[in-house]
Amino acid sequence: MTQGRVQGAVLLPGSATGAVLKLERPISFWGGVDPESGRITDPRHPQHDQSVAGRVLVIPETIGSSSGSAVMLELIARGRAPAALVLGKPDAILILGVVVAREMGYRDPPPVLLLPPRDQAALVTGRAARIGPAGSIETGAETAGSA
Protein backbone atom coordinates (compact mmCIF):
# COMPACT_ATOMS: atom_id res chain seq x y z
CA MET A 1 0.00 0.00 0.00
CA THR A 2 2.80 2.41 0.83
CA GLN A 3 3.07 5.42 -1.49
CA GLY A 4 3.92 7.78 1.33
CA ARG A 5 4.71 7.61 5.00
CA VAL A 6 4.81 10.19 7.77
CA GLN A 7 5.26 9.76 11.49
CA GLY A 8 2.82 11.29 13.93
CA ALA A 9 3.10 11.57 17.70
CA VAL A 10 0.62 9.31 19.46
CA LEU A 11 -1.80 11.16 21.74
CA LEU A 12 -4.21 8.21 22.06
CA PRO A 13 -3.02 4.86 20.70
CA GLY A 14 -4.70 2.62 18.20
CA SER A 15 -4.70 1.43 14.61
CA ALA A 16 -7.09 2.44 11.86
CA THR A 17 -7.65 2.49 8.13
CA GLY A 18 -9.75 4.81 6.01
CA ALA A 19 -9.73 7.40 3.27
CA VAL A 20 -8.14 10.72 4.18
CA LEU A 21 -10.34 13.78 4.60
CA LYS A 22 -7.99 16.74 5.08
CA LEU A 23 -9.82 19.84 6.20
CA GLU A 24 -8.81 23.03 4.45
CA ARG A 25 -9.80 25.24 7.37
CA PRO A 26 -10.27 24.90 11.13
CA ILE A 27 -13.58 23.53 12.34
CA SER A 28 -15.70 23.61 15.46
CA PHE A 29 -17.28 20.25 16.16
CA TRP A 30 -20.01 22.03 18.15
CA GLY A 31 -22.33 23.33 15.44
CA GLY A 32 -19.92 22.35 12.67
CA VAL A 33 -20.42 18.56 12.62
CA ASP A 34 -23.76 16.75 12.92
CA PRO A 35 -23.36 14.11 15.67
CA GLU A 36 -26.08 11.92 14.15
CA SER A 37 -24.83 11.75 10.57
CA GLY A 38 -21.17 12.71 10.84
CA ARG A 39 -21.63 15.36 8.13
CA ILE A 40 -19.95 18.75 8.22
CA THR A 41 -22.87 21.16 8.69
CA ASP A 42 -21.08 24.51 8.80
CA PRO A 43 -22.22 26.09 5.49
CA ARG A 44 -19.10 28.33 5.41
CA HIS A 45 -16.69 25.40 5.66
CA PRO A 46 -15.05 24.33 2.35
CA GLN A 47 -15.89 20.68 3.08
CA HIS A 48 -19.52 21.43 3.94
CA ASP A 49 -21.74 18.33 3.65
CA GLN A 50 -18.84 15.85 3.54
CA SER A 51 -18.89 13.07 6.10
CA VAL A 52 -16.17 12.52 8.71
CA ALA A 53 -17.48 9.01 9.44
CA GLY A 54 -14.88 6.32 8.87
CA ARG A 55 -12.34 8.82 7.50
CA VAL A 56 -8.81 9.54 8.61
CA LEU A 57 -9.68 13.10 9.55
CA VAL A 58 -6.74 15.49 9.18
CA ILE A 59 -7.37 18.77 10.98
CA PRO A 60 -4.80 21.58 10.87
CA GLU A 61 -6.55 23.31 13.76
CA THR A 62 -9.85 23.21 15.62
CA ILE A 63 -12.03 26.08 16.72
CA GLY A 64 -12.39 25.56 20.42
CA SER A 65 -15.67 24.78 22.10
CA SER A 66 -16.16 23.11 25.41
CA SER A 67 -18.91 21.03 23.78
CA GLY A 68 -16.65 19.52 21.09
CA SER A 69 -15.99 16.52 23.35
CA ALA A 70 -19.74 15.84 23.60
CA VAL A 71 -20.07 15.88 19.81
CA MET A 72 -17.12 13.49 19.45
CA LEU A 73 -18.60 11.19 22.10
CA GLU A 74 -21.93 11.15 20.22
CA LEU A 75 -20.20 10.42 16.92
CA ILE A 76 -18.43 7.44 18.51
CA ALA A 77 -21.59 6.19 20.23
CA ARG A 78 -23.50 6.30 16.93
CA GLY A 79 -20.74 4.67 14.87
CA ARG A 80 -20.27 7.89 12.84
CA ALA A 81 -16.85 8.93 14.17
CA PRO A 82 -13.71 9.36 12.12
CA ALA A 83 -11.53 6.24 11.87
CA ALA A 84 -8.65 8.36 13.20
CA LEU A 85 -7.94 11.97 14.15
CA VAL A 86 -4.72 13.59 12.94
CA LEU A 87 -4.45 16.97 14.65
CA GLY A 88 -2.10 19.80 13.72
CA LYS A 89 -2.35 21.13 17.28
CA PRO A 90 -3.47 19.29 20.43
CA ASP A 91 -7.10 19.88 21.41
CA ALA A 92 -7.69 18.55 24.92
CA ILE A 93 -11.45 19.11 24.75
CA LEU A 94 -11.93 17.14 21.52
CA ILE A 95 -9.62 14.38 22.75
CA LEU A 96 -11.63 14.18 25.98
CA GLY A 97 -14.59 12.83 23.99
CA VAL A 98 -12.42 9.95 22.74
CA VAL A 99 -11.08 9.27 26.25
CA VAL A 100 -14.60 9.13 27.71
CA ALA A 101 -15.74 6.80 24.91
CA ARG A 102 -12.85 4.45 25.72
CA GLU A 103 -13.68 4.53 29.42
CA MET A 104 -17.34 3.77 28.67
CA GLY A 105 -16.34 0.83 26.48
CA TYR A 106 -17.75 2.23 23.23
CA ARG A 107 -16.77 0.42 20.05
CA ASP A 108 -14.03 1.77 17.83
CA PRO A 109 -12.96 5.04 19.42
CA PRO A 110 -10.42 6.55 17.03
CA PRO A 111 -6.69 6.81 17.64
CA VAL A 112 -5.50 10.40 17.92
CA LEU A 113 -2.19 11.57 16.48
CA LEU A 114 -0.39 14.88 16.44
CA LEU A 115 1.13 15.85 13.09
CA PRO A 116 2.23 19.44 12.45
CA PRO A 117 0.47 21.17 9.54
CA ARG A 118 3.71 21.26 7.49
CA ASP A 119 3.82 17.43 7.68
CA GLN A 120 0.08 17.15 7.01
CA ALA A 121 0.84 18.37 3.47
CA ALA A 122 1.82 14.77 2.64
CA LEU A 123 -1.74 13.59 3.34
CA VAL A 124 -4.15 14.03 0.44
CA THR A 125 -7.94 13.86 0.61
CA GLY A 126 -9.22 10.66 -0.95
CA ARG A 127 -6.04 8.63 -0.46
CA ALA A 128 -6.26 5.40 1.49
CA ALA A 129 -4.42 5.64 4.81
CA ARG A 130 -3.36 3.20 7.47
CA ILE A 131 -2.52 4.34 10.99
CA GLY A 132 -0.06 2.12 12.83
CA PRO A 133 -0.06 1.66 16.62
CA ALA A 134 3.21 3.62 16.97
CA GLY A 135 1.83 6.62 15.03
CA SER A 136 2.97 5.84 11.49
CA ILE A 137 0.65 7.03 8.72
CA GLU A 138 1.00 5.18 5.43
CA THR A 139 -0.88 6.41 2.40
CA GLY A 140 -1.73 4.63 -0.81
CA ALA A 141 -3.88 5.02 -3.87
CA GLU A 142 -7.06 7.07 -4.08
CA THR A 143 -10.14 5.20 -2.90
CA ALA A 144 -13.41 5.03 -4.85
CA GLY A 145 -16.11 7.45 -3.72
CA SER A 146 -13.92 9.19 -1.14
CA ALA A 147 -14.10 12.75 -2.39
C-alpha atoms as a PDB file:
ATOM      1  CA  MET A   1       0.000   0.000   0.000  1.00  0.00           C
ATOM      2  CA  THR A   2       2.799   2.414   0.828  1.00  0.00           C
ATOM      3  CA  GLN A   3       3.071   5.420  -1.488  1.00  0.00           C
ATOM      4  CA  GLY A   4       3.915   7.777   1.330  1.00  0.00           C
ATOM      5  CA  ARG A   5       4.712   7.609   5.003  1.00  0.00           C
ATOM      6  CA  VAL A   6       4.809  10.189   7.766  1.00  0.00           C
ATOM      7  CA  GLN A   7       5.260   9.760  11.492  1.00  0.00           C
ATOM      8  CA  GLY A   8       2.816  11.290  13.932  1.00  0.00           C
ATOM      9  CA  ALA A   9       3.099  11.573  17.698  1.00  0.00           C
ATOM     10  CA  VAL A  10       0.616   9.307  19.464  1.00  0.00           C
ATOM     11  CA  LEU A  11      -1.805  11.162  21.737  1.00  0.00           C
ATOM     12  CA  LEU A  12      -4.206   8.212  22.056  1.00  0.00           C
ATOM     13  CA  PRO A  13      -3.024   4.855  20.704  1.00  0.00           C
ATOM     14  CA  GLY A  14      -4.702   2.616  18.199  1.00  0.00           C
ATOM     15  CA  SER A  15      -4.705   1.426  14.613  1.00  0.00           C
ATOM     16  CA  ALA A  16      -7.089   2.438  11.857  1.00  0.00           C
ATOM     17  CA  THR A  17      -7.654   2.493   8.128  1.00  0.00           C
ATOM     18  CA  GLY A  18      -9.754   4.813   6.006  1.00  0.00           C
ATOM     19  CA  ALA A  19      -9.726   7.402   3.271  1.00  0.00           C
ATOM     20  CA  VAL A  20      -8.139  10.723   4.184  1.00  0.00           C
ATOM     21  CA  LEU A  21     -10.336  13.784   4.599  1.00  0.00           C
ATOM     22  CA  LYS A  22      -7.985  16.736   5.079  1.00  0.00           C
ATOM     23  CA  LEU A  23      -9.823  19.838   6.198  1.00  0.00           C
ATOM     24  CA  GLU A  24      -8.806  23.027   4.447  1.00  0.00           C
ATOM     25  CA  ARG A  25      -9.801  25.243   7.366  1.00  0.00           C
ATOM     26  CA  PRO A  26     -10.270  24.904  11.127  1.00  0.00           C
ATOM     27  CA  ILE A  27     -13.581  23.526  12.336  1.00  0.00           C
ATOM     28  CA  SER A  28     -15.701  23.613  15.457  1.00  0.00           C
ATOM     29  CA  PHE A  29     -17.279  20.252  16.161  1.00  0.00           C
ATOM     30  CA  TRP A  30     -20.010  22.030  18.151  1.00  0.00           C
ATOM     31  CA  GLY A  31     -22.328  23.329  15.445  1.00  0.00           C
ATOM     32  CA  GLY A  32     -19.922  22.349  12.666  1.00  0.00           C
ATOM     33  CA  VAL A  33     -20.425  18.562  12.615  1.00  0.00           C
ATOM     34  CA  ASP A  34     -23.759  16.753  12.917  1.00  0.00           C
ATOM     35  CA  PRO A  35     -23.356  14.111  15.673  1.00  0.00           C
ATOM     36  CA  GLU A  36     -26.084  11.922  14.152  1.00  0.00           C
ATOM     37  CA  SER A  37     -24.827  11.747  10.565  1.00  0.00           C
ATOM     38  CA  GLY A  38     -21.170  12.710  10.843  1.00  0.00           C
ATOM     39  CA  ARG A  39     -21.629  15.360   8.127  1.00  0.00           C
ATOM     40  CA  ILE A  40     -19.952  18.755   8.224  1.00  0.00           C
ATOM     41  CA  THR A  41     -22.866  21.156   8.688  1.00  0.00           C
ATOM     42  CA  ASP A  42     -21.083  24.513   8.797  1.00  0.00           C
ATOM     43  CA  PRO A  43     -22.216  26.095   5.489  1.00  0.00           C
ATOM     44  CA  ARG A  44     -19.105  28.327   5.415  1.00  0.00           C
ATOM     45  CA  HIS A  45     -16.690  25.404   5.657  1.00  0.00           C
ATOM     46  CA  PRO A  46     -15.050  24.326   2.354  1.00  0.00           C
ATOM     47  CA  GLN A  47     -15.888  20.675   3.077  1.00  0.00           C
ATOM     48  CA  HIS A  48     -19.520  21.428   3.938  1.00  0.00           C
ATOM     49  CA  ASP A  49     -21.737  18.333   3.647  1.00  0.00           C
ATOM     50  CA  GLN A  50     -18.844  15.854   3.538  1.00  0.00           C
ATOM     51  CA  SER A  51     -18.886  13.070   6.105  1.00  0.00           C
ATOM     52  CA  VAL A  52     -16.170  12.524   8.707  1.00  0.00           C
ATOM     53  CA  ALA A  53     -17.482   9.011   9.439  1.00  0.00           C
ATOM     54  CA  GLY A  54     -14.875   6.323   8.873  1.00  0.00           C
ATOM     55  CA  ARG A  55     -12.345   8.820   7.503  1.00  0.00           C
ATOM     56  CA  VAL A  56      -8.806   9.543   8.612  1.00  0.00           C
ATOM     57  CA  LEU A  57      -9.678  13.104   9.551  1.00  0.00           C
ATOM     58  CA  VAL A  58      -6.744  15.492   9.178  1.00  0.00           C
ATOM     59  CA  ILE A  59      -7.372  18.767  10.982  1.00  0.00           C
ATOM     60  CA  PRO A  60      -4.802  21.578  10.873  1.00  0.00           C
ATOM     61  CA  GLU A  61      -6.553  23.312  13.758  1.00  0.00           C
ATOM     62  CA  THR A  62      -9.851  23.214  15.616  1.00  0.00           C
ATOM     63  CA  ILE A  63     -12.029  26.085  16.716  1.00  0.00           C
ATOM     64  CA  GLY A  64     -12.392  25.564  20.421  1.00  0.00           C
ATOM     65  CA  SER A  65     -15.666  24.782  22.096  1.00  0.00           C
ATOM     66  CA  SER A  66     -16.164  23.109  25.414  1.00  0.00           C
ATOM     67  CA  SER A  67     -18.905  21.027  23.777  1.00  0.00           C
ATOM     68  CA  GLY A  68     -16.651  19.522  21.092  1.00  0.00           C
ATOM     69  CA  SER A  69     -15.995  16.524  23.349  1.00  0.00           C
ATOM     70  CA  ALA A  70     -19.736  15.837  23.602  1.00  0.00           C
ATOM     71  CA  VAL A  71     -20.072  15.880  19.812  1.00  0.00           C
ATOM     72  CA  MET A  72     -17.115  13.491  19.448  1.00  0.00           C
ATOM     73  CA  LEU A  73     -18.603  11.192  22.100  1.00  0.00           C
ATOM     74  CA  GLU A  74     -21.934  11.150  20.218  1.00  0.00           C
ATOM     75  CA  LEU A  75     -20.201  10.415  16.918  1.00  0.00           C
ATOM     76  CA  ILE A  76     -18.431   7.440  18.505  1.00  0.00           C
ATOM     77  CA  ALA A  77     -21.589   6.192  20.231  1.00  0.00           C
ATOM     78  CA  ARG A  78     -23.501   6.299  16.932  1.00  0.00           C
ATOM     79  CA  GLY A  79     -20.743   4.674  14.870  1.00  0.00           C
ATOM     80  CA  ARG A  80     -20.265   7.885  12.838  1.00  0.00           C
ATOM     81  CA  ALA A  81     -16.849   8.932  14.172  1.00  0.00           C
ATOM     82  CA  PRO A  82     -13.711   9.362  12.123  1.00  0.00           C
ATOM     83  CA  ALA A  83     -11.528   6.243  11.867  1.00  0.00           C
ATOM     84  CA  ALA A  84      -8.648   8.363  13.202  1.00  0.00           C
ATOM     85  CA  LEU A  85      -7.942  11.966  14.148  1.00  0.00           C
ATOM     86  CA  VAL A  86      -4.724  13.592  12.935  1.00  0.00           C
ATOM     87  CA  LEU A  87      -4.447  16.970  14.646  1.00  0.00           C
ATOM     88  CA  GLY A  88      -2.099  19.805  13.724  1.00  0.00           C
ATOM     89  CA  LYS A  89      -2.347  21.125  17.279  1.00  0.00           C
ATOM     90  CA  PRO A  90      -3.472  19.293  20.426  1.00  0.00           C
ATOM     91  CA  ASP A  91      -7.099  19.878  21.409  1.00  0.00           C
ATOM     92  CA  ALA A  92      -7.685  18.546  24.916  1.00  0.00           C
ATOM     93  CA  ILE A  93     -11.446  19.114  24.747  1.00  0.00           C
ATOM     94  CA  LEU A  94     -11.926  17.143  21.515  1.00  0.00           C
ATOM     95  CA  ILE A  95      -9.618  14.377  22.745  1.00  0.00           C
ATOM     96  CA  LEU A  96     -11.629  14.179  25.982  1.00  0.00           C
ATOM     97  CA  GLY A  97     -14.588  12.831  23.993  1.00  0.00           C
ATOM     98  CA  VAL A  98     -12.424   9.953  22.745  1.00  0.00           C
ATOM     99  CA  VAL A  99     -11.079   9.265  26.251  1.00  0.00           C
ATOM    100  CA  VAL A 100     -14.603   9.129  27.711  1.00  0.00           C
ATOM    101  CA  ALA A 101     -15.741   6.798  24.910  1.00  0.00           C
ATOM    102  CA  ARG A 102     -12.851   4.449  25.720  1.00  0.00           C
ATOM    103  CA  GLU A 103     -13.677   4.532  29.418  1.00  0.00           C
ATOM    104  CA  MET A 104     -17.335   3.773  28.667  1.00  0.00           C
ATOM    105  CA  GLY A 105     -16.342   0.830  26.476  1.00  0.00           C
ATOM    106  CA  TYR A 106     -17.747   2.230  23.233  1.00  0.00           C
ATOM    107  CA  ARG A 107     -16.774   0.425  20.048  1.00  0.00           C
ATOM    108  CA  ASP A 108     -14.032   1.768  17.830  1.00  0.00           C
ATOM    109  CA  PRO A 109     -12.955   5.045  19.424  1.00  0.00           C
ATOM    110  CA  PRO A 110     -10.416   6.545  17.031  1.00  0.00           C
ATOM    111  CA  PRO A 111      -6.694   6.806  17.644  1.00  0.00           C
ATOM    112  CA  VAL A 112      -5.496  10.395  17.921  1.00  0.00           C
ATOM    113  CA  LEU A 113      -2.191  11.569  16.475  1.00  0.00           C
ATOM    114  CA  LEU A 114      -0.390  14.877  16.442  1.00  0.00           C
ATOM    115  CA  LEU A 115       1.129  15.846  13.093  1.00  0.00           C
ATOM    116  CA  PRO A 116       2.231  19.437  12.453  1.00  0.00           C
ATOM    117  CA  PRO A 117       0.473  21.169   9.539  1.00  0.00           C
ATOM    118  CA  ARG A 118       3.712  21.260   7.492  1.00  0.00           C
ATOM    119  CA  ASP A 119       3.821  17.434   7.677  1.00  0.00           C
ATOM    120  CA  GLN A 120       0.080  17.151   7.010  1.00  0.00           C
ATOM    121  CA  ALA A 121       0.842  18.370   3.473  1.00  0.00           C
ATOM    122  CA  ALA A 122       1.825  14.773   2.635  1.00  0.00           C
ATOM    123  CA  LEU A 123      -1.743  13.595   3.344  1.00  0.00           C
ATOM    124  CA  VAL A 124      -4.153  14.030   0.438  1.00  0.00           C
ATOM    125  CA  THR A 125      -7.941  13.858   0.609  1.00  0.00           C
ATOM    126  CA  GLY A 126      -9.215  10.656  -0.951  1.00  0.00           C
ATOM    127  CA  ARG A 127      -6.040   8.632  -0.460  1.00  0.00           C
ATOM    128  CA  ALA A 128      -6.259   5.399   1.490  1.00  0.00           C
ATOM    129  CA  ALA A 129      -4.425   5.641   4.809  1.00  0.00           C
ATOM    130  CA  ARG A 130      -3.363   3.195   7.471  1.00  0.00           C
ATOM    131  CA  ILE A 131      -2.525   4.344  10.992  1.00  0.00           C
ATOM    132  CA  GLY A 132      -0.060   2.117  12.832  1.00  0.00           C
ATOM    133  CA  PRO A 133      -0.059   1.655  16.617  1.00  0.00           C
ATOM    134  CA  ALA A 134       3.209   3.616  16.967  1.00  0.00           C
ATOM    135  CA  GLY A 135       1.833   6.623  15.027  1.00  0.00           C
ATOM    136  CA  SER A 136       2.967   5.840  11.490  1.00  0.00           C
ATOM    137  CA  ILE A 137       0.654   7.029   8.721  1.00  0.00           C
ATOM    138  CA  GLU A 138       1.003   5.176   5.427  1.00  0.00           C
ATOM    139  CA  THR A 139      -0.878   6.415   2.395  1.00  0.00           C
ATOM    140  CA  GLY A 140      -1.732   4.629  -0.813  1.00  0.00           C
ATOM    141  CA  ALA A 141      -3.876   5.024  -3.874  1.00  0.00           C
ATOM    142  CA  GLU A 142      -7.064   7.067  -4.078  1.00  0.00           C
ATOM    143  CA  THR A 143     -10.143   5.197  -2.904  1.00  0.00           C
ATOM    144  CA  ALA A 144     -13.411   5.030  -4.849  1.00  0.00           C
ATOM    145  CA  GLY A 145     -16.107   7.453  -3.721  1.00  0.00           C
ATOM    146  CA  SER A 146     -13.920   9.189  -1.140  1.00  0.00           C
ATOM    147  CA  ALA A 147     -14.103  12.746  -2.394  1.00  0.00           C
END
